[in-house]
PDB file of N, CA and C in Angstrom:
ATOM      1  N   MET A   1      -8.521  15.863 -11.092  1.00  0.00           N
ATOM      2  CA  MET A   1      -6.877  15.327 -11.983  1.00  0.00           C
ATOM      3  C   MET A   1      -7.369  15.885 -13.413  1.00  0.00           C
ATOM      4  N   THR A   2      -6.141  16.344 -13.884  1.00  0.00           N
ATOM      5  CA  THR A   2      -6.054  16.429 -15.351  1.00  0.00           C
ATOM      6  C   THR A   2      -6.516  15.084 -16.355  1.00  0.00           C
ATOM      7  N   ALA A   3      -6.766  14.697 -16.833  1.00  0.00           N
ATOM      8  CA  ALA A   3      -7.191  13.922 -17.953  1.00  0.00           C
ATOM      9  C   ALA A   3      -5.593  13.379 -18.289  1.00  0.00           C
ATOM     10  N   PRO A   4      -5.193  11.871 -18.478  1.00  0.00           N
ATOM     11  CA  PRO A   4      -3.868  11.787 -18.669  1.00  0.00           C
ATOM     12  C   PRO A   4      -3.946  11.690 -20.158  1.00  0.00           C
ATOM     13  N   SER A   5      -4.650  12.249 -21.237  1.00  0.00           N
ATOM     14  CA  SER A   5      -4.205  12.434 -22.728  1.00  0.00           C
ATOM     15  C   SER A   5      -3.886  14.328 -23.278  1.00  0.00           C
ATOM     16  N   GLN A   6      -4.286  14.754 -21.678  1.00  0.00           N
ATOM     17  CA  GLN A   6      -4.039  15.999 -21.376  1.00  0.00           C
ATOM     18  C   GLN A   6      -2.747  16.693 -21.169  1.00  0.00           C
ATOM     19  N   LEU A   7      -2.003  15.803 -20.163  1.00  0.00           N
ATOM     20  CA  LEU A   7      -0.913  16.140 -19.877  1.00  0.00           C
ATOM     21  C   LEU A   7       0.463  15.876 -20.566  1.00  0.00           C
ATOM     22  N   THR A   8       1.668  16.465 -20.700  1.00  0.00           N
ATOM     23  CA  THR A   8       3.040  16.174 -21.444  1.00  0.00           C
ATOM     24  C   THR A   8       3.843  15.172 -20.384  1.00  0.00           C
ATOM     25  N   TRP A   9       3.856  14.093 -21.040  1.00  0.00           N
ATOM     26  CA  TRP A   9       4.299  12.936 -20.876  1.00  0.00           C
ATOM     27  C   TRP A   9       5.807  13.222 -21.396  1.00  0.00           C
ATOM     28  N   ILE A  10       6.742  12.550 -20.670  1.00  0.00           N
ATOM     29  CA  ILE A  10       7.856  12.067 -20.742  1.00  0.00           C
ATOM     30  C   ILE A  10       8.714  11.048 -20.965  1.00  0.00           C
ATOM     31  N   THR A  11       8.918  10.657 -21.555  1.00  0.00           N
ATOM     32  CA  THR A  11      10.145   9.360 -22.048  1.00  0.00           C
ATOM     33  C   THR A  11      11.623   9.168 -20.833  1.00  0.00           C
ATOM     34  N   SER A  12      11.868   8.285 -20.368  1.00  0.00           N
ATOM     35  CA  SER A  12      13.103   8.473 -19.279  1.00  0.00           C
ATOM     36  C   SER A  12      13.875   8.092 -20.804  1.00  0.00           C
ATOM     37  N   SER A  13      14.650   9.104 -20.667  1.00  0.00           N
ATOM     38  CA  SER A  13      15.929   9.300 -20.697  1.00  0.00           C
ATOM     39  C   SER A  13      17.104   7.762 -21.170  1.00  0.00           C
ATOM     40  N   TYR A  14      16.521   7.217 -19.732  1.00  0.00           N
ATOM     41  CA  TYR A  14      17.315   5.575 -19.590  1.00  0.00           C
ATOM     42  C   TYR A  14      16.360   4.555 -20.185  1.00  0.00           C
ATOM     43  N   SER A  15      15.219   4.308 -20.843  1.00  0.00           N
ATOM     44  CA  SER A  15      14.590   3.706 -21.533  1.00  0.00           C
ATOM     45  C   SER A  15      15.411   2.956 -22.602  1.00  0.00           C
ATOM     46  N   GLY A  16      15.304   1.492 -23.028  1.00  0.00           N
ATOM     47  CA  GLY A  16      16.177   1.091 -24.439  1.00  0.00           C
ATOM     48  C   GLY A  16      15.064   1.773 -25.599  1.00  0.00           C
ATOM     49  N   GLY A  17      15.852   1.516 -26.681  1.00  0.00           N
ATOM     50  CA  GLY A  17      15.336   2.048 -27.754  1.00  0.00           C
ATOM     51  C   GLY A  17      14.502   0.536 -28.670  1.00  0.00           C
ATOM     52  N   SER A  18      14.663  -0.407 -28.226  1.00  0.00           N
ATOM     53  CA  SER A  18      14.245  -1.142 -28.729  1.00  0.00           C
ATOM     54  C   SER A  18      12.382  -1.403 -28.768  1.00  0.00           C
ATOM     55  N   GLY A  19      12.218  -0.589 -27.845  1.00  0.00           N
ATOM     56  CA  GLY A  19      10.556  -0.515 -26.980  1.00  0.00           C
ATOM     57  C   GLY A  19       9.801  -1.181 -25.998  1.00  0.00           C
ATOM     58  N   THR A  20      11.080  -2.080 -25.201  1.00  0.00           N
ATOM     59  CA  THR A  20      11.158  -2.555 -24.539  1.00  0.00           C
ATOM     60  C   THR A  20      10.467  -2.756 -23.114  1.00  0.00           C
ATOM     61  N   GLU A  21      11.826  -0.964 -22.824  1.00  0.00           N
ATOM     62  CA  GLU A  21      11.436  -0.640 -21.520  1.00  0.00           C
ATOM     63  C   GLU A  21      11.279   0.627 -21.093  1.00  0.00           C
ATOM     64  N   CYS A  22      10.211   1.088 -21.542  1.00  0.00           N
ATOM     65  CA  CYS A  22       9.756   2.386 -21.232  1.00  0.00           C
ATOM     66  C   CYS A  22       8.987   2.712 -20.543  1.00  0.00           C
ATOM     67  N   VAL A  23       9.161   4.192 -19.509  1.00  0.00           N
ATOM     68  CA  VAL A  23       8.663   4.166 -18.636  1.00  0.00           C
ATOM     69  C   VAL A  23       8.222   5.785 -18.995  1.00  0.00           C
ATOM     70  N   GLU A  24       7.040   6.566 -18.820  1.00  0.00           N
ATOM     71  CA  GLU A  24       7.174   8.080 -19.004  1.00  0.00           C
ATOM     72  C   GLU A  24       6.561   8.481 -17.638  1.00  0.00           C
ATOM     73  N   CYS A  25       7.010  10.139 -17.799  1.00  0.00           N
ATOM     74  CA  CYS A  25       6.331  10.798 -16.309  1.00  0.00           C
ATOM     75  C   CYS A  25       5.496  11.737 -17.070  1.00  0.00           C
ATOM     76  N   ALA A  26       4.623  12.318 -15.978  1.00  0.00           N
ATOM     77  CA  ALA A  26       4.223  13.602 -16.379  1.00  0.00           C
ATOM     78  C   ALA A  26       4.326  14.632 -14.935  1.00  0.00           C
ATOM     79  N   ARG A  27       4.195  15.704 -14.602  1.00  0.00           N
ATOM     80  CA  ARG A  27       4.725  16.628 -13.292  1.00  0.00           C
ATOM     81  C   ARG A  27       2.374  17.400 -13.345  1.00  0.00           C
ATOM     82  N   ILE A  28       2.542  16.721 -12.349  1.00  0.00           N
ATOM     83  CA  ILE A  28       0.977  17.471 -12.132  1.00  0.00           C
ATOM     84  C   ILE A  28       1.854  18.225 -10.658  1.00  0.00           C
ATOM     85  N   GLU A  29       0.381  19.063 -10.227  1.00  0.00           N
ATOM     86  CA  GLU A  29       1.039  20.257  -9.204  1.00  0.00           C
ATOM     87  C   GLU A  29       1.214  19.826  -7.756  1.00  0.00           C
ATOM     88  N   ALA A  30       0.808  17.966  -7.885  1.00  0.00           N
ATOM     89  CA  ALA A  30       1.151  17.658  -6.094  1.00  0.00           C
ATOM     90  C   ALA A  30       1.964  16.085  -6.485  1.00  0.00           C
ATOM     91  N   GLY A  31       2.755  16.403  -7.410  1.00  0.00           N
ATOM     92  CA  GLY A  31       3.528  15.250  -7.558  1.00  0.00           C
ATOM     93  C   GLY A  31       4.421  15.067  -9.312  1.00  0.00           C
ATOM     94  N   THR A  32       4.168  14.048  -9.768  1.00  0.00           N
ATOM     95  CA  THR A  32       4.810  12.853 -11.116  1.00  0.00           C
ATOM     96  C   THR A  32       3.660  11.996 -11.099  1.00  0.00           C
ATOM     97  N   LEU A  33       3.407  11.608 -12.446  1.00  0.00           N
ATOM     98  CA  LEU A  33       2.723  10.134 -13.032  1.00  0.00           C
ATOM     99  C   LEU A  33       3.393  10.260 -13.697  1.00  0.00           C
ATOM    100  N   ILE A  34       3.627   8.102 -13.242  1.00  0.00           N
ATOM    101  CA  ILE A  34       4.164   7.456 -14.142  1.00  0.00           C
ATOM    102  C   ILE A  34       3.344   6.613 -14.798  1.00  0.00           C
ATOM    103  N   ARG A  35       3.853   5.847 -15.850  1.00  0.00           N
ATOM    104  CA  ARG A  35       2.875   4.942 -16.612  1.00  0.00           C
ATOM    105  C   ARG A  35       4.061   4.461 -17.744  1.00  0.00           C
ATOM    106  N   ASP A  36       3.646   3.228 -18.006  1.00  0.00           N
ATOM    107  CA  ASP A  36       4.383   2.357 -19.002  1.00  0.00           C
ATOM    108  C   ASP A  36       3.979   3.131 -20.323  1.00  0.00           C
ATOM    109  N   SER A  37       4.930   3.429 -21.294  1.00  0.00           N
ATOM    110  CA  SER A  37       4.701   3.741 -22.457  1.00  0.00           C
ATOM    111  C   SER A  37       4.120   2.923 -23.834  1.00  0.00           C
ATOM    112  N   LYS A  38       4.209   2.133 -23.532  1.00  0.00           N
ATOM    113  CA  LYS A  38       3.827   1.173 -24.358  1.00  0.00           C
ATOM    114  C   LYS A  38       1.835   0.738 -23.776  1.00  0.00           C
ATOM    115  N   ARG A  39       1.600   0.822 -22.218  1.00  0.00           N
ATOM    116  CA  ARG A  39       0.028   1.010 -22.315  1.00  0.00           C
ATOM    117  C   ARG A  39      -0.186   2.057 -21.930  1.00  0.00           C
ATOM    118  N   ALA A  40      -0.374   3.651 -22.958  1.00  0.00           N
ATOM    119  CA  ALA A  40      -0.496   4.798 -22.381  1.00  0.00           C
ATOM    120  C   ALA A  40      -2.133   4.440 -21.549  1.00  0.00           C
ATOM    121  N   SER A  41      -3.156   3.631 -22.156  1.00  0.00           N
ATOM    122  CA  SER A  41      -4.795   3.956 -21.271  1.00  0.00           C
ATOM    123  C   SER A  41      -4.071   2.459 -19.929  1.00  0.00           C
ATOM    124  N   GLY A  42      -3.090   2.338 -20.052  1.00  0.00           N
ATOM    125  CA  GLY A  42      -3.356   1.544 -19.131  1.00  0.00           C
ATOM    126  C   GLY A  42      -3.039   1.875 -17.360  1.00  0.00           C
ATOM    127  N   PRO A  43      -2.641   1.181 -16.000  1.00  0.00           N
ATOM    128  CA  PRO A  43      -3.041   1.850 -14.809  1.00  0.00           C
ATOM    129  C   PRO A  43      -1.570   2.998 -14.782  1.00  0.00           C
ATOM    130  N   ILE A  44      -1.868   3.914 -14.033  1.00  0.00           N
ATOM    131  CA  ILE A  44      -0.981   4.766 -13.609  1.00  0.00           C
ATOM    132  C   ILE A  44      -0.193   5.067 -12.283  1.00  0.00           C
ATOM    133  N   VAL A  45       0.906   5.232 -11.793  1.00  0.00           N
ATOM    134  CA  VAL A  45       0.916   5.068 -10.550  1.00  0.00           C
ATOM    135  C   VAL A  45       1.553   6.677 -10.329  1.00  0.00           C
ATOM    136  N   ARG A  46       0.578   7.574  -8.947  1.00  0.00           N
ATOM    137  CA  ARG A  46       0.902   8.976  -8.883  1.00  0.00           C
ATOM    138  C   ARG A  46       1.906   8.456  -7.652  1.00  0.00           C
ATOM    139  N   VAL A  47       2.926   9.831  -7.619  1.00  0.00           N
ATOM    140  CA  VAL A  47       3.797   9.668  -6.278  1.00  0.00           C
ATOM    141  C   VAL A  47       3.933  11.131  -6.226  1.00  0.00           C
ATOM    142  N   GLY A  48       3.660  11.461  -5.026  1.00  0.00           N
ATOM    143  CA  GLY A  48       3.461  12.394  -4.323  1.00  0.00           C
ATOM    144  C   GLY A  48       5.288  13.492  -4.538  1.00  0.00           C
ATOM    145  N   ALA A  49       4.846  14.570  -4.240  1.00  0.00           N
ATOM    146  CA  ALA A  49       6.017  15.543  -5.015  1.00  0.00           C
ATOM    147  C   ALA A  49       7.203  15.355  -3.789  1.00  0.00           C
ATOM    148  N   GLN A  50       7.514  15.618  -2.606  1.00  0.00           N
ATOM    149  CA  GLN A  50       8.227  14.254  -1.279  1.00  0.00           C
ATOM    150  C   GLN A  50       9.132  13.760  -2.109  1.00  0.00           C
ATOM    151  N   SER A  51       8.294  12.471  -2.375  1.00  0.00           N
ATOM    152  CA  SER A  51       8.796  11.289  -2.736  1.00  0.00           C
ATOM    153  C   SER A  51       9.228  11.313  -3.519  1.00  0.00           C
ATOM    154  N   TRP A  52       8.768  11.509  -4.645  1.00  0.00           N
ATOM    155  CA  TRP A  52       9.729  12.239  -6.507  1.00  0.00           C
ATOM    156  C   TRP A  52      10.829  12.806  -5.832  1.00  0.00           C
ATOM    157  N   THR A  53      10.806  13.995  -5.395  1.00  0.00           N
ATOM    158  CA  THR A  53      12.008  14.724  -4.864  1.00  0.00           C
ATOM    159  C   THR A  53      13.065  13.808  -4.061  1.00  0.00           C
ATOM    160  N   ALA A  54      13.030  13.296  -3.159  1.00  0.00           N
ATOM    161  CA  ALA A  54      13.785  12.437  -3.005  1.00  0.00           C
ATOM    162  C   ALA A  54      14.198  10.991  -3.584  1.00  0.00           C
ATOM    163  N   PHE A  55      13.339  10.741  -4.584  1.00  0.00           N
ATOM    164  CA  PHE A  55      13.847   8.939  -5.666  1.00  0.00           C
ATOM    165  C   PHE A  55      14.750  10.099  -5.894  1.00  0.00           C
ATOM    166  N   VAL A  56      14.792  10.666  -6.801  1.00  0.00           N
ATOM    167  CA  VAL A  56      15.208  11.343  -8.076  1.00  0.00           C
ATOM    168  C   VAL A  56      16.684  11.816  -7.473  1.00  0.00           C
ATOM    169  N   ARG A  57      16.728  12.087  -6.237  1.00  0.00           N
ATOM    170  CA  ARG A  57      17.780  13.030  -5.694  1.00  0.00           C
ATOM    171  C   ARG A  57      18.629  11.514  -5.533  1.00  0.00           C
ATOM    172  N   SER A  58      18.040  10.550  -4.605  1.00  0.00           N
ATOM    173  CA  SER A  58      18.719   9.605  -4.408  1.00  0.00           C
ATOM    174  C   SER A  58      19.795   8.982  -5.323  1.00  0.00           C
ATOM    175  N   LEU A  59      18.498   9.304  -6.414  1.00  0.00           N
ATOM    176  CA  LEU A  59      19.616   8.557  -8.300  1.00  0.00           C
ATOM    177  C   LEU A  59      20.596   9.449  -8.787  1.00  0.00           C
ATOM    178  N   ARG A  60      20.259  10.486  -8.168  1.00  0.00           N
ATOM    179  CA  ARG A  60      21.506  11.294  -8.909  1.00  0.00           C
ATOM    180  C   ARG A  60      22.394  11.587  -8.412  1.00  0.00           C
ATOM    181  N   GLU A  61      22.738  11.063  -6.553  1.00  0.00           N
ATOM    182  CA  GLU A  61      23.934  11.133  -5.755  1.00  0.00           C
ATOM    183  C   GLU A  61      23.957   9.545  -5.812  1.00  0.00           C
ATOM    184  N   GLY A  62      23.656   8.766  -6.652  1.00  0.00           N
ATOM    185  CA  GLY A  62      24.085   7.412  -6.832  1.00  0.00           C
ATOM    186  C   GLY A  62      23.811   6.182  -4.704  1.00  0.00           C
ATOM    187  N   ASP A  63      23.065   6.987  -4.322  1.00  0.00           N
ATOM    188  CA  ASP A  63      22.293   6.289  -3.167  1.00  0.00           C
ATOM    189  C   ASP A  63      22.008   5.233  -3.104  1.00  0.00           C
ATOM    190  N   GLN A  64      22.880   3.504  -3.185  1.00  0.00           N
ATOM    191  CA  GLN A  64      22.084   2.461  -3.200  1.00  0.00           C
ATOM    192  C   GLN A  64      21.352   1.767  -2.464  1.00  0.00           C
ATOM    193  N   ASN A  65      20.649   2.946  -1.085  1.00  0.00           N
ATOM    194  CA  ASN A  65      19.877   2.502   0.010  1.00  0.00           C
ATOM    195  C   ASN A  65      18.995   2.793  -0.250  1.00  0.00           C
ATOM    196  N   ALA A  66      18.390   3.593  -1.406  1.00  0.00           N
ATOM    197  CA  ALA A  66      17.629   4.613  -1.139  1.00  0.00           C
ATOM    198  C   ALA A  66      16.071   3.630  -1.848  1.00  0.00           C
TER     199      ALA A  66
END
């Protein structure tokens, strides 16, 4: 896997401007990585491509049961 420092991390457009609620995502071949932007060297969650696609689709469609 590519080192986290070499990835392009994107901050969520829904993160608060106060710096207290920031989530960042980085796309990888096998899916998406997610981390807390305040702890860039902290834990990273890896989500598979199919799961991430289903998650994003449910958010866009407003699926409250996802």
